[in-house]
Amino acid sequence: MAQVEIDAGICGFSTNVQAESQSKYQCKLNIESQCKHVLKLAEKLDEVNAMDELFKKGKSQVLAAAQETLPHLTCPVPIGILRAVEASTGLALPKDVTVKFK
C-alpha cells in the first residue's frame, strides 16, 4: 500500500490518498480531501489499472475524471494519485516530488 499526502498550495486544501494493489496492476483507491472538487473526483475513482493509467496515452481514468471535476488544470492532486498508484503496484519507488517557486 502507498499513502500520499498532497498539499495543493494556495487553496489550502489537503488530500490524502491510499492506494492498495489488489492484484498485479489493479489498484484500489481511497481518497479523502477538504476540497469539494476532489471529493467529486474521488467518487469516480474506486479501482484503476496501473498499466492503463501510466503507460497507455489517452486511457487514464484519473486524468479523465480530473478534467470533468477539477476547475484548475494545475491542481497537483491527479499526479499525486498517479504517483500513489505507481508506488503501490511496484512500478516506482516512493519518493517525494516538489515544485518550488524561487
Protein backbone atom coordinates (compact mmCIF):
# COMPACT_ATOMS: atom_id res chain seq x y z
CA MET A 1 0.00 0.00 0.00
CA ALA A 2 1.10 3.55 -0.70
CA GLN A 3 -0.09 6.58 1.25
CA VAL A 4 0.33 10.06 -0.17
CA GLU A 5 -0.44 13.42 1.40
CA ILE A 6 -0.97 16.23 -1.11
CA ASP A 7 -0.80 19.90 -0.13
CA ALA A 8 -2.44 21.60 -3.11
CA GLY A 9 -0.91 25.02 -2.44
CA ILE A 10 -2.62 28.37 -2.26
CA CYS A 11 -6.15 26.92 -1.95
CA GLY A 12 -5.09 25.49 1.40
CA PHE A 13 -6.76 22.13 0.86
CA SER A 14 -5.03 18.88 1.64
CA THR A 15 -5.80 15.47 0.19
CA ASN A 16 -4.84 12.03 1.47
CA VAL A 17 -4.63 9.11 -0.93
CA GLN A 18 -4.30 5.44 -0.08
CA ALA A 19 -3.59 3.15 -3.00
CA GLU A 20 -3.58 -0.58 -2.42
CA SER A 21 -2.59 -3.12 -5.02
CA GLN A 22 -5.37 -5.69 -5.43
CA SER A 23 -3.55 -7.84 -7.98
CA LYS A 24 -0.51 -7.32 -10.16
CA TYR A 25 -1.68 -3.99 -11.63
CA GLN A 26 -5.19 -3.41 -10.23
CA CYS A 27 -5.21 -0.76 -7.54
CA LYS A 28 -7.95 0.20 -5.06
CA LEU A 29 -8.09 3.89 -4.17
CA ASN A 30 -9.27 5.67 -1.03
CA ILE A 31 -9.21 9.46 -1.37
CA GLU A 32 -10.06 11.91 1.41
CA SER A 33 -9.95 15.66 0.90
CA GLN A 34 -11.10 19.00 2.22
CA CYS A 35 -11.81 20.09 -1.37
CA LYS A 36 -15.34 19.54 -2.71
CA HIS A 37 -13.99 19.16 -6.27
CA VAL A 38 -11.52 16.46 -5.25
CA LEU A 39 -14.33 14.66 -3.43
CA LYS A 40 -16.25 14.58 -6.74
CA LEU A 41 -13.10 13.21 -8.39
CA ALA A 42 -12.84 10.54 -5.68
CA GLU A 43 -16.41 9.39 -6.39
CA LYS A 44 -15.31 8.46 -9.92
CA LEU A 45 -12.20 6.55 -8.82
CA ASP A 46 -12.64 3.34 -6.90
CA GLU A 47 -10.23 1.00 -8.66
CA VAL A 48 -7.81 1.61 -11.54
CA ASN A 49 -5.40 -0.40 -13.65
CA ALA A 50 -1.87 0.94 -13.21
CA MET A 51 -0.75 -0.06 -16.70
CA ASP A 52 -3.65 1.83 -18.29
CA GLU A 53 -3.10 4.85 -16.04
CA LEU A 54 0.63 5.14 -16.53
CA PHE A 55 1.50 3.77 -19.96
CA LYS A 56 -1.48 3.99 -22.32
CA LYS A 57 -1.80 7.55 -23.56
CA GLY A 58 -5.36 8.77 -23.59
CA LYS A 59 -6.59 5.93 -21.35
CA SER A 60 -6.11 7.44 -17.90
CA GLN A 61 -9.25 7.19 -15.81
CA VAL A 62 -7.67 9.53 -13.25
CA LEU A 63 -6.90 12.30 -15.75
CA ALA A 64 -10.27 11.97 -17.50
CA ALA A 65 -12.12 12.22 -14.16
CA ALA A 66 -9.94 15.18 -13.17
CA GLN A 67 -10.89 17.04 -16.36
CA GLU A 68 -14.56 16.52 -15.53
CA THR A 69 -14.41 17.54 -11.86
CA LEU A 70 -11.50 19.88 -11.14
CA PRO A 71 -11.69 23.59 -12.01
CA HIS A 72 -7.91 24.07 -12.25
CA LEU A 73 -5.67 22.27 -14.73
CA THR A 74 -2.67 22.80 -12.42
CA CYS A 75 -4.17 21.01 -9.41
CA PRO A 76 -1.48 18.58 -8.17
CA VAL A 77 -3.98 16.01 -6.87
CA PRO A 78 -4.28 13.88 -10.05
CA ILE A 79 -0.50 13.50 -10.28
CA GLY A 80 -0.36 12.62 -6.57
CA ILE A 81 -2.97 9.92 -7.15
CA LEU A 82 -0.98 8.52 -10.07
CA ARG A 83 2.22 8.53 -8.01
CA ALA A 84 0.43 6.55 -5.29
CA VAL A 85 -0.83 4.03 -7.88
CA GLU A 86 2.68 3.73 -9.31
CA ALA A 87 4.27 3.05 -5.92
CA SER A 88 1.57 0.69 -4.66
CA THR A 89 1.91 -1.59 -7.69
CA GLY A 90 5.71 -1.63 -7.58
CA LEU A 91 6.15 0.36 -10.80
CA ALA A 92 8.13 3.05 -8.97
CA LEU A 93 9.75 3.61 -5.62
CA PRO A 94 8.00 6.05 -3.28
CA LYS A 95 9.79 9.41 -3.38
CA ASP A 96 8.55 12.93 -2.68
CA VAL A 97 8.03 15.28 -5.61
CA THR A 98 8.23 19.06 -5.18
CA VAL A 99 7.64 22.21 -7.16
CA LYS A 100 9.19 25.31 -5.60
CA PHE A 101 8.86 28.95 -6.54
CA LYS A 102 12.06 30.98 -6.25
